[in-house]
Amino acid sequence: MLHARRRPGGGPVRRASIRRPRRRPGAGVGGSRGGGDGPELLSALASAAAPAPDPSALLAETLTADAAARIALARNPAFKVKLEEVGLAQADLSQAGILENPRVHGQMRFAGGSGAAGHEFGVKVNLLDFVERPLRKRVASQRLEQAKSRLGHEVLGLEAEARSAFYAHVAARRRLALREQAVESLDAAVELAERQRAAGNISALDLANERASRQTAAAELAHERSRAAAARERLAMLLAIQDRADWTVPDELPAPPAVDPSSAAVEQAALSQRWDLAAARRDPQVLKDALAVERLRFFGPLEVGVDTEREYSGESKFGPEFEIGIPIFERRQASRARLAAQRRQSLASVESLETAIRYEARVTSAELAAAREAVAAYAKALADRKEGIAETLKNYNYMLKGVYGLLEAKRLELDASSAYVDALKDYWSQRAELERVAGGKLPDGGQ
C-alpha cells in the first residue's frame, strides 16, 4: 500500500557513486552549479570520507595556508559530522528504489457441529508503488545532489575559516616578535637612564617615566603572548592537531598580489558557482516531483493480487482480487496544498538568495579593496619610519640627537611594523572570505 512512511525492504544500503563532470575553462569550483560535482568537492568528499590521515608529511615542512585548508578538510571533526548528511541522503535514495513487500493474508474457519474446516489465503501487492517508484527515486536523487551542494558550501566555509586562522596565527607571532623587540629597546633605555641618574644627569622623574614605559610595554607583551597562544590553539583546533607541537608557520605574511578581481567578476562567479545557490535552485523541481507523488496517492493504495478459498463442503475457489481506497474524506488535499506553498516559497527563496549573494559579493569586494589600500598606506608609513631611523642614526652619529631620540625612533618603527602586519592579516583574511563568497577560486585577475 502507499503510505507516507519509509518502506521496509531488504538489501544493504550502498553508497551512491560520485561522478566527475566536465569542467568549463576558467570555471571556479566545478564550473556551473546547475548539477554535478566539482573537483574540489570530489577531493573533499574523498579525503574526508577516508580515515583521518597522519598530517606528518604536511607538518614536516613550514605550514602554508593551502596545507592548513587540506588538513582541516581531512581531519576536522565538525566537518565530518556534516559530511554524513551526504550518507543520509544516499541511504534515502537507496530506500526510495525499494518496492513494498507483498502482503499475504489468510484465515481458517471451523463449522460448529460437523467439524468441517474452511480456509482462505491470498497475496497482494501495491500496484501504485510500481508507478510511484521512479518519481520517488528522482526526488531522492535530487535531494542527494542538494546534500552534496550543501556540503560543497561547507567545504568552502571551512577552508576560509582555516585560512583566516592561519593568517591570524602568522600575524600574532610576528606582532609578538615586534613587541619583544620593543621591550628590549625599553630595557636598554631604562638601563641607560639608571646610569645617567646615578651620575646626576637626569632627574628622578625622567627615570620614573622610563621605568613606567618599560612596565607598560611588558604588560602589552604579556597580552600579546596570550593572543599568540590563542591564535595557535584556534588553528590547531580547526586542523585537529592539538596533540602535535612540532609544526611551524612562516615568520611573515606575503605581500598582496598585483591585482584583485573586480566586484562584477566576483558577483558573476558567485551566481554561477555558489554551492548553496545550486542547492536552492534544485528545490522547486524537487517539490514539483514530490507534488506529482502526492497526486498519485489521491485514491490511496491500489492493491491487486490473487485469492484462494476452500469452503466447508470442500469446494475450492480461486481468482484475482483488488482493494482501493475511496477518496471521500482524505484526498491528500492538505499535503498537496502544503507542497505547492513550499514550491512557491522555494522560488522566492532562490530570488532572495541571489539578491543576498550580489550584496555580499559587492560588499566583500569593497572591503578587500579597502584592505589593499590600508596595506599600501601602512607600507608607505613603515618605509617612512625606516627612513626616519636612518636619518636619526646619522644625527646621533653627528651628536645632533641623543640616544633617547634614537630609541624613540626605533619604537615608532616597531609600532608601524605592527600596524602593517595587522593590515596584511586583514587583507588575507578578507581575501579568504571573498573566495568563500565567490564559491571557489577567484576569477582571473585575482590569482
Protein backbone atom coordinates (compact mmCIF):
# COMPACT_ATOMS: atom_id res chain seq x y z
CA MET A 1 0.00 0.00 0.00
CA LEU A 2 1.02 3.61 -0.36
CA HIS A 3 1.94 5.21 2.93
CA ALA A 4 3.91 8.28 3.95
CA ARG A 5 6.26 6.08 5.96
CA ARG A 6 9.59 4.53 5.00
CA ARG A 7 9.12 1.32 3.10
CA PRO A 8 10.53 -1.85 4.58
CA GLY A 9 12.76 -3.88 2.38
CA GLY A 10 15.86 -5.98 2.28
CA GLY A 11 19.30 -5.48 0.89
CA PRO A 12 22.17 -3.33 2.08
CA VAL A 13 22.19 0.41 1.53
CA ARG A 14 25.03 1.17 -0.85
CA ARG A 15 26.86 4.44 -1.35
CA ALA A 16 25.77 6.32 -4.43
CA SER A 17 28.57 6.89 -6.89
CA ILE A 18 30.06 10.34 -7.25
CA ARG A 19 30.58 11.33 -10.84
CA ARG A 20 33.12 13.84 -12.06
CA PRO A 21 31.66 16.28 -14.60
CA ARG A 22 33.48 18.14 -17.28
CA ARG A 23 34.88 21.43 -16.14
CA ARG A 24 34.44 24.58 -18.17
CA PRO A 25 37.64 26.50 -18.95
CA GLY A 26 38.05 29.27 -16.41
CA ALA A 27 35.43 27.85 -14.05
CA GLY A 28 35.94 28.22 -10.34
CA VAL A 29 34.97 25.25 -8.16
CA GLY A 30 33.39 22.85 -10.57
CA GLY A 31 32.13 25.47 -13.06
CA SER A 32 28.38 25.92 -13.22
CA ARG A 33 26.47 24.76 -10.20
CA GLY A 34 23.50 23.60 -12.20
CA GLY A 35 24.35 20.00 -11.36
CA GLY A 36 27.14 17.51 -10.77
CA ASP A 37 30.16 17.87 -8.54
CA GLY A 38 33.26 20.00 -8.87
CA PRO A 39 36.81 18.66 -8.49
CA GLU A 40 37.32 20.46 -5.16
CA LEU A 41 34.17 18.91 -3.70
CA LEU A 42 35.12 15.46 -5.02
CA SER A 43 38.53 15.81 -3.42
CA ALA A 44 36.97 16.93 -0.15
CA LEU A 45 34.49 14.04 -0.18
CA ALA A 46 37.23 11.51 -0.88
CA SER A 47 39.63 12.84 1.74
CA ALA A 48 37.02 13.44 4.42
CA ALA A 49 35.35 10.05 3.96
CA ALA A 50 38.68 8.31 4.48
CA PRO A 51 40.18 7.73 7.92
CA ALA A 52 41.88 10.82 9.33
CA PRO A 53 45.39 10.81 7.82
CA ASP A 54 48.58 11.44 9.71
CA PRO A 55 49.44 15.09 8.96
CA SER A 56 53.16 14.49 9.50
CA ALA A 57 54.01 14.93 5.82
CA LEU A 58 52.39 18.35 5.62
CA LEU A 59 53.57 19.39 9.08
CA ALA A 60 57.16 18.31 8.46
CA GLU A 61 57.65 21.48 6.45
CA THR A 62 56.56 25.00 7.24
CA LEU A 63 52.76 25.08 7.14
CA THR A 64 51.06 27.05 4.38
CA ALA A 65 47.51 28.35 4.05
CA ASP A 66 46.72 25.72 1.39
CA ALA A 67 48.12 22.93 3.55
CA ALA A 68 46.09 24.16 6.52
CA ALA A 69 42.91 24.02 4.42
CA ARG A 70 43.68 20.46 3.24
CA ILE A 71 44.38 19.21 6.77
CA ALA A 72 41.18 20.83 8.06
CA LEU A 73 39.06 19.11 5.40
CA ALA A 74 40.62 15.74 6.19
CA ARG A 75 40.64 15.89 9.98
CA ASN A 76 38.16 18.47 11.31
CA PRO A 77 35.60 16.55 13.43
CA ALA A 78 32.80 19.11 12.97
CA PHE A 79 33.15 18.82 9.19
CA LYS A 80 32.92 15.02 9.38
CA VAL A 81 29.57 15.42 11.13
CA LYS A 82 28.30 17.49 8.20
CA LEU A 83 29.80 15.01 5.74
CA GLU A 84 27.41 12.34 6.98
CA GLU A 85 24.48 14.38 5.62
CA VAL A 86 25.51 13.02 2.22
CA GLY A 87 25.46 9.50 3.63
CA LEU A 88 21.93 10.05 4.92
CA ALA A 89 20.80 11.32 1.53
CA GLN A 90 22.41 8.30 -0.17
CA ALA A 91 20.53 5.99 2.18
CA ASP A 92 17.27 7.79 1.36
CA LEU A 93 17.97 7.32 -2.35
CA SER A 94 18.52 3.60 -1.86
CA GLN A 95 15.33 3.35 0.19
CA ALA A 96 13.32 5.22 -2.45
CA GLY A 97 14.08 2.49 -5.01
CA ILE A 98 12.87 -0.37 -2.82
CA LEU A 99 9.38 -1.68 -3.53
CA GLU A 100 6.94 -2.60 -0.81
CA ASN A 101 6.87 -6.24 0.23
CA PRO A 102 3.88 -8.31 -0.96
CA ARG A 103 1.17 -8.76 1.64
CA VAL A 104 -0.12 -12.22 2.46
CA HIS A 105 -3.40 -12.71 4.30
CA GLY A 106 -5.25 -15.83 5.38
CA GLN A 107 -7.88 -17.21 7.69
CA MET A 108 -9.29 -20.57 8.74
CA ARG A 109 -12.88 -21.35 9.84
CA PHE A 110 -14.40 -24.40 11.50
CA ALA A 111 -18.06 -25.47 11.26
CA GLY A 112 -19.92 -25.73 14.58
CA GLY A 113 -21.03 -29.41 14.75
CA SER A 114 -19.65 -31.16 11.72
CA GLY A 115 -16.02 -30.33 12.36
CA ALA A 116 -15.61 -29.30 8.72
CA ALA A 117 -12.93 -26.68 8.08
CA GLY A 118 -12.52 -23.95 5.51
CA HIS A 119 -9.71 -21.58 4.76
CA GLU A 120 -8.82 -18.59 2.65
CA PHE A 121 -5.41 -17.34 1.59
CA GLY A 122 -4.31 -14.53 -0.69
CA VAL A 123 -1.36 -12.34 -1.70
CA LYS A 124 -1.50 -8.71 -2.78
CA VAL A 125 0.93 -6.08 -3.98
CA ASN A 126 0.54 -2.33 -4.17
CA LEU A 127 0.29 -1.52 -7.88
CA LEU A 128 0.77 2.21 -7.34
CA ASP A 129 4.10 1.54 -5.67
CA PHE A 130 5.49 0.47 -9.06
CA VAL A 131 4.20 3.67 -10.67
CA GLU A 132 5.43 5.85 -7.84
CA ARG A 133 8.93 4.35 -7.61
CA PRO A 134 10.57 6.35 -10.47
CA LEU A 135 9.25 9.61 -9.04
CA ARG A 136 10.43 8.70 -5.55
CA LYS A 137 13.89 7.93 -6.89
CA ARG A 138 14.01 11.18 -8.81
CA VAL A 139 13.11 13.18 -5.71
CA ALA A 140 15.67 11.32 -3.60
CA SER A 141 18.33 11.75 -6.30
CA GLN A 142 17.73 15.49 -6.35
CA ARG A 143 17.93 15.55 -2.55
CA LEU A 144 21.27 13.77 -2.74
CA GLU A 145 22.59 16.37 -5.18
CA GLN A 146 21.36 19.08 -2.82
CA ALA A 147 23.17 17.44 0.08
CA LYS A 148 26.38 17.37 -1.98
CA SER A 149 25.95 21.03 -2.91
CA ARG A 150 25.40 21.99 0.71
CA LEU A 151 28.49 20.03 1.64
CA GLY A 152 30.40 21.94 -1.04
CA HIS A 153 29.34 25.17 0.64
CA GLU A 154 30.57 23.78 3.97
CA VAL A 155 33.89 22.86 2.32
CA LEU A 156 34.45 26.44 1.22
CA GLY A 157 33.40 27.76 4.62
CA LEU A 158 35.86 25.51 6.46
CA GLU A 159 38.64 26.36 4.01
CA ALA A 160 38.06 30.08 4.55
CA GLU A 161 37.98 29.62 8.32
CA ALA A 162 41.21 27.59 8.30
CA ARG A 163 42.97 30.11 6.09
CA SER A 164 41.86 33.03 8.26
CA ALA A 165 43.06 31.21 11.37
CA PHE A 166 46.39 30.56 9.65
CA TYR A 167 46.81 34.23 8.75
CA ALA A 168 45.84 35.28 12.27
CA HIS A 169 48.43 32.92 13.77
CA VAL A 170 51.24 34.14 11.49
CA ALA A 171 50.33 37.76 12.25
CA ALA A 172 50.15 37.11 16.01
CA ARG A 173 53.62 35.55 16.01
CA ARG A 174 55.01 38.49 14.08
CA ARG A 175 53.38 41.03 16.40
CA LEU A 176 54.79 39.13 19.39
CA ALA A 177 58.31 39.30 17.92
CA LEU A 178 57.92 43.04 17.35
CA ARG A 179 56.62 43.55 20.88
CA GLU A 180 59.62 41.66 22.27
CA GLN A 181 61.93 43.96 20.31
CA ALA A 182 60.12 46.98 21.75
CA VAL A 183 60.61 45.68 25.31
CA GLU A 184 64.29 45.02 24.62
CA SER A 185 64.61 48.61 23.36
CA LEU A 186 62.94 49.96 26.51
CA ASP A 187 65.17 47.75 28.68
CA ALA A 188 68.16 49.48 27.11
CA ALA A 189 66.53 52.87 27.71
CA VAL A 190 65.88 52.10 31.40
CA GLU A 191 69.44 50.83 31.88
CA LEU A 192 70.83 53.99 30.35
CA ALA A 193 68.51 56.17 32.42
CA GLU A 194 69.61 54.44 35.63
CA ARG A 195 73.27 55.11 34.82
CA GLN A 196 72.51 58.70 33.95
CA ARG A 197 70.51 59.14 37.15
CA ALA A 198 73.39 57.72 39.18
CA ALA A 199 75.65 60.27 37.51
CA GLY A 200 73.15 63.03 38.23
CA ASN A 201 72.49 63.79 34.55
CA ILE A 202 68.68 63.26 34.65
CA SER A 203 66.01 63.80 37.24
CA ALA A 204 64.19 61.15 39.25
CA LEU A 205 61.06 62.00 37.27
CA ASP A 206 62.77 61.17 33.98
CA LEU A 207 63.92 57.84 35.36
CA ALA A 208 60.41 57.07 36.67
CA ASN A 209 58.93 57.84 33.26
CA GLU A 210 61.33 55.46 31.52
CA ARG A 211 60.57 52.70 34.01
CA ALA A 212 56.80 53.25 33.62
CA SER A 213 57.13 53.00 29.85
CA ARG A 214 59.05 49.73 30.29
CA GLN A 215 56.38 48.25 32.59
CA THR A 216 53.58 49.27 30.21
CA ALA A 217 55.41 47.57 27.34
CA ALA A 218 55.91 44.44 29.49
CA ALA A 219 52.17 44.29 30.18
CA GLU A 220 51.43 44.67 26.47
CA LEU A 221 53.94 41.89 25.76
CA ALA A 222 52.11 39.57 28.17
CA HIS A 223 48.80 40.26 26.39
CA GLU A 224 50.46 39.68 23.02
CA ARG A 225 51.79 36.31 24.19
CA SER A 226 48.29 35.34 25.27
CA ARG A 227 46.81 36.38 21.91
CA ALA A 228 49.52 34.49 20.01
CA ALA A 229 48.87 31.34 22.06
CA ALA A 230 45.12 31.64 21.47
CA ALA A 231 45.65 32.07 17.72
CA ARG A 232 47.83 28.96 17.60
CA GLU A 233 45.32 26.92 19.59
CA ARG A 234 42.45 28.00 17.34
CA LEU A 235 44.35 26.91 14.23
CA ALA A 236 45.30 23.62 15.89
CA MET A 237 41.65 23.06 16.85
CA LEU A 238 40.43 23.59 13.28
CA LEU A 239 43.12 21.26 11.95
CA ALA A 240 42.57 18.69 14.76
CA ILE A 241 46.30 18.67 15.56
CA GLN A 242 46.10 19.84 19.17
CA ASP A 243 48.13 16.81 20.18
CA ARG A 244 51.02 17.97 18.00
CA ALA A 245 53.60 20.61 18.87
CA ASP A 246 56.10 20.02 16.05
CA TRP A 247 54.60 22.35 13.47
CA THR A 248 55.63 25.82 12.40
CA VAL A 249 54.31 28.63 10.23
CA PRO A 250 56.14 31.31 8.22
CA ASP A 251 57.60 34.29 10.04
CA GLU A 252 55.74 36.82 7.90
CA LEU A 253 52.71 37.13 5.67
CA PRO A 254 53.32 37.72 1.96
CA ALA A 255 52.53 40.97 0.21
CA PRO A 256 49.21 41.17 -1.67
CA PRO A 257 49.11 40.01 -5.30
CA ALA A 258 49.37 42.56 -8.09
CA VAL A 259 45.62 42.87 -8.66
CA ASP A 260 42.32 41.74 -7.20
CA PRO A 261 39.23 40.69 -9.17
CA SER A 262 36.59 43.27 -9.88
CA SER A 263 33.35 43.33 -7.95
CA ALA A 264 31.41 42.48 -11.12
CA ALA A 265 33.60 39.44 -11.81
CA VAL A 266 33.17 38.17 -8.25
CA GLU A 267 29.40 38.70 -8.44
CA GLN A 268 29.15 36.79 -11.72
CA ALA A 269 31.30 33.96 -10.39
CA ALA A 270 29.24 33.71 -7.21
CA LEU A 271 25.94 33.48 -9.11
CA SER A 272 27.31 30.75 -11.37
CA GLN A 273 29.26 28.60 -8.92
CA ARG A 274 27.91 29.03 -5.38
CA TRP A 275 27.05 25.62 -3.93
CA ASP A 276 24.31 26.88 -1.63
CA LEU A 277 22.62 28.62 -4.56
CA ALA A 278 22.82 25.40 -6.59
CA ALA A 279 21.06 23.54 -3.77
CA ALA A 280 18.38 26.21 -3.55
CA ARG A 281 17.79 26.15 -7.32
CA ARG A 282 17.02 22.44 -7.17
CA ASP A 283 14.27 22.90 -4.60
CA PRO A 284 11.43 23.95 -6.98
CA GLN A 285 11.90 20.86 -9.19
CA VAL A 286 12.21 18.58 -6.16
CA LEU A 287 8.96 19.90 -4.74
CA LYS A 288 7.29 19.64 -8.14
CA ASP A 289 8.20 15.95 -8.30
CA ALA A 290 7.07 15.45 -4.71
CA LEU A 291 3.74 17.06 -5.64
CA ALA A 292 3.38 14.54 -8.50
CA VAL A 293 3.86 11.73 -5.99
CA GLU A 294 1.12 13.17 -3.80
CA ARG A 295 -1.27 13.32 -6.75
CA LEU A 296 -0.70 9.61 -7.36
CA ARG A 297 -1.75 8.96 -3.78
CA PHE A 298 -5.17 10.55 -4.31
CA PHE A 299 -7.00 7.20 -4.20
CA GLY A 300 -4.75 5.76 -1.57
CA PRO A 301 -3.32 2.29 -2.09
CA LEU A 302 -4.32 0.22 -5.12
CA GLU A 303 -3.67 -3.37 -4.16
CA VAL A 304 -4.05 -6.24 -6.62
CA GLY A 305 -3.43 -9.92 -6.11
CA VAL A 306 -4.88 -13.43 -6.10
CA ASP A 307 -7.05 -15.19 -3.54
CA THR A 308 -7.90 -18.85 -2.98
CA GLU A 309 -10.69 -20.13 -0.77
CA ARG A 310 -11.84 -23.61 0.30
CA GLU A 311 -15.44 -23.94 1.53
CA TYR A 312 -16.70 -26.32 4.23
CA SER A 313 -18.02 -28.56 1.51
CA GLY A 314 -14.56 -28.99 0.04
CA GLU A 315 -15.25 -26.77 -2.95
CA SER A 316 -12.26 -24.54 -3.88
CA LYS A 317 -12.36 -21.10 -5.41
CA PHE A 318 -9.52 -19.13 -6.99
CA GLY A 319 -9.37 -15.69 -8.56
CA PRO A 320 -7.99 -12.16 -8.63
CA GLU A 321 -8.74 -9.52 -6.05
CA PHE A 322 -8.12 -5.81 -5.62
CA GLU A 323 -8.50 -3.14 -2.98
CA ILE A 324 -8.69 0.62 -3.48
CA GLY A 325 -9.44 3.50 -1.18
CA ILE A 326 -12.44 5.74 -1.79
CA PRO A 327 -11.36 9.40 -1.52
CA ILE A 328 -14.34 10.72 0.41
CA PHE A 329 -12.61 12.40 3.36
CA GLU A 330 -8.85 12.17 2.89
CA ARG A 331 -7.91 13.22 -0.63
CA ARG A 332 -4.35 14.41 0.15
CA GLN A 333 -5.57 17.95 -0.40
CA ALA A 334 -3.70 19.35 2.60
CA SER A 335 -0.45 17.65 1.58
CA ARG A 336 -0.73 18.93 -1.99
CA ALA A 337 -1.50 22.45 -0.81
CA ARG A 338 1.48 22.33 1.53
CA LEU A 339 3.85 21.18 -1.22
CA ALA A 340 2.52 23.81 -3.61
CA ALA A 341 3.11 26.51 -0.99
CA GLN A 342 6.60 25.16 -0.31
CA ARG A 343 7.38 25.28 -4.02
CA ARG A 344 6.30 28.92 -4.24
CA GLN A 345 8.36 29.57 -1.14
CA SER A 346 11.42 27.90 -2.71
CA LEU A 347 11.12 30.08 -5.84
CA ALA A 348 11.07 33.17 -3.65
CA SER A 349 13.99 31.82 -1.62
CA VAL A 350 16.12 31.45 -4.75
CA GLU A 351 15.45 35.06 -5.70
CA SER A 352 16.19 36.18 -2.15
CA LEU A 353 19.46 34.24 -2.01
CA GLU A 354 20.59 35.61 -5.38
CA THR A 355 19.96 39.14 -4.09
CA ALA A 356 21.88 38.41 -0.89
CA ILE A 357 24.80 36.93 -2.85
CA ARG A 358 25.02 40.02 -5.06
CA TYR A 359 25.10 42.21 -1.96
CA GLU A 360 27.67 40.00 -0.25
CA ALA A 361 29.93 39.95 -3.32
CA ARG A 362 29.87 43.73 -3.71
CA VAL A 363 30.40 44.49 -0.02
CA THR A 364 33.19 41.93 0.42
CA SER A 365 34.93 43.17 -2.75
CA ALA A 366 34.77 46.71 -1.41
CA GLU A 367 36.19 45.57 1.93
CA LEU A 368 39.03 43.77 0.14
CA ALA A 369 39.80 46.93 -1.85
CA ALA A 370 39.86 48.94 1.40
CA ALA A 371 42.17 46.36 2.99
CA ARG A 372 44.53 46.64 0.00
CA GLU A 373 44.59 50.43 0.36
CA ALA A 374 45.35 50.06 4.08
CA VAL A 375 48.26 47.71 3.32
CA ALA A 376 49.68 50.21 0.84
CA ALA A 377 49.29 53.09 3.30
CA TYR A 378 50.92 51.23 6.19
CA ALA A 379 53.71 50.02 3.90
CA LYS A 380 54.43 53.63 2.97
CA ALA A 381 54.30 54.66 6.63
CA LEU A 382 56.72 51.87 7.54
CA ALA A 383 59.10 52.92 4.76
CA ASP A 384 58.97 56.50 6.08
CA ARG A 385 59.74 55.25 9.61
CA LYS A 386 62.72 53.27 8.35
CA GLU A 387 63.97 56.35 6.54
CA GLY A 388 63.46 58.31 9.74
CA ILE A 389 65.55 55.75 11.66
CA ALA A 390 68.38 56.17 9.16
CA GLU A 391 68.27 59.96 9.48
CA THR A 392 68.09 59.81 13.28
CA LEU A 393 71.10 57.50 13.34
CA LYS A 394 73.05 59.99 11.23
CA ASN A 395 72.13 62.79 13.61
CA TYR A 396 73.10 60.60 16.55
CA ASN A 397 76.48 59.90 15.00
CA TYR A 398 76.93 63.64 14.48
CA MET A 399 75.86 64.16 18.10
CA LEU A 400 72.82 66.11 16.94
CA LYS A 401 70.42 63.60 18.51
CA GLY A 402 70.61 61.80 21.83
CA VAL A 403 70.20 58.11 22.47
CA TYR A 404 66.63 58.63 23.67
CA GLY A 405 65.69 60.14 20.34
CA LEU A 406 67.18 57.12 18.58
CA LEU A 407 65.27 54.72 20.85
CA GLU A 408 62.03 56.65 20.31
CA ALA A 409 62.50 56.47 16.52
CA LYS A 410 63.00 52.72 16.82
CA ARG A 411 59.82 52.39 18.91
CA LEU A 412 57.84 54.28 16.28
CA GLU A 413 59.22 51.98 13.59
CA LEU A 414 58.13 48.91 15.57
CA ASP A 415 54.65 50.37 16.00
CA ALA A 416 54.46 50.99 12.25
CA SER A 417 55.60 47.41 11.60
CA SER A 418 52.89 46.07 13.90
CA ALA A 419 50.23 48.12 12.12
CA TYR A 420 51.49 46.84 8.76
CA VAL A 421 51.27 43.24 9.99
CA ASP A 422 47.67 43.81 11.11
CA ALA A 423 46.83 45.31 7.72
CA LEU A 424 48.30 42.28 5.92
CA LYS A 425 46.35 39.91 8.16
CA ASP A 426 43.13 41.79 7.46
CA TYR A 427 43.80 41.71 3.71
CA TRP A 428 44.46 37.96 3.51
CA SER A 429 41.55 37.12 5.81
CA GLN A 430 39.28 39.27 3.67
CA ARG A 431 40.59 37.56 0.55
CA ALA A 432 39.80 34.14 2.04
CA GLU A 433 36.29 35.39 2.80
CA LEU A 434 35.94 36.66 -0.78
CA GLU A 435 36.80 33.18 -2.09
CA ARG A 436 34.02 31.77 0.06
CA VAL A 437 31.61 34.41 -1.21
CA ALA A 438 32.62 33.71 -4.83
CA GLY A 439 32.03 29.99 -4.31
CA GLY A 440 35.60 28.96 -5.14
CA LYS A 441 38.80 30.33 -6.58
CA LEU A 442 38.64 33.96 -7.51
CA PRO A 443 38.18 34.95 -11.18
CA ASP A 444 41.09 35.90 -13.45
CA GLY A 445 42.85 38.95 -12.13
CA GLY A 446 42.69 37.65 -8.58
CA GLN A 447 45.04 34.72 -8.80
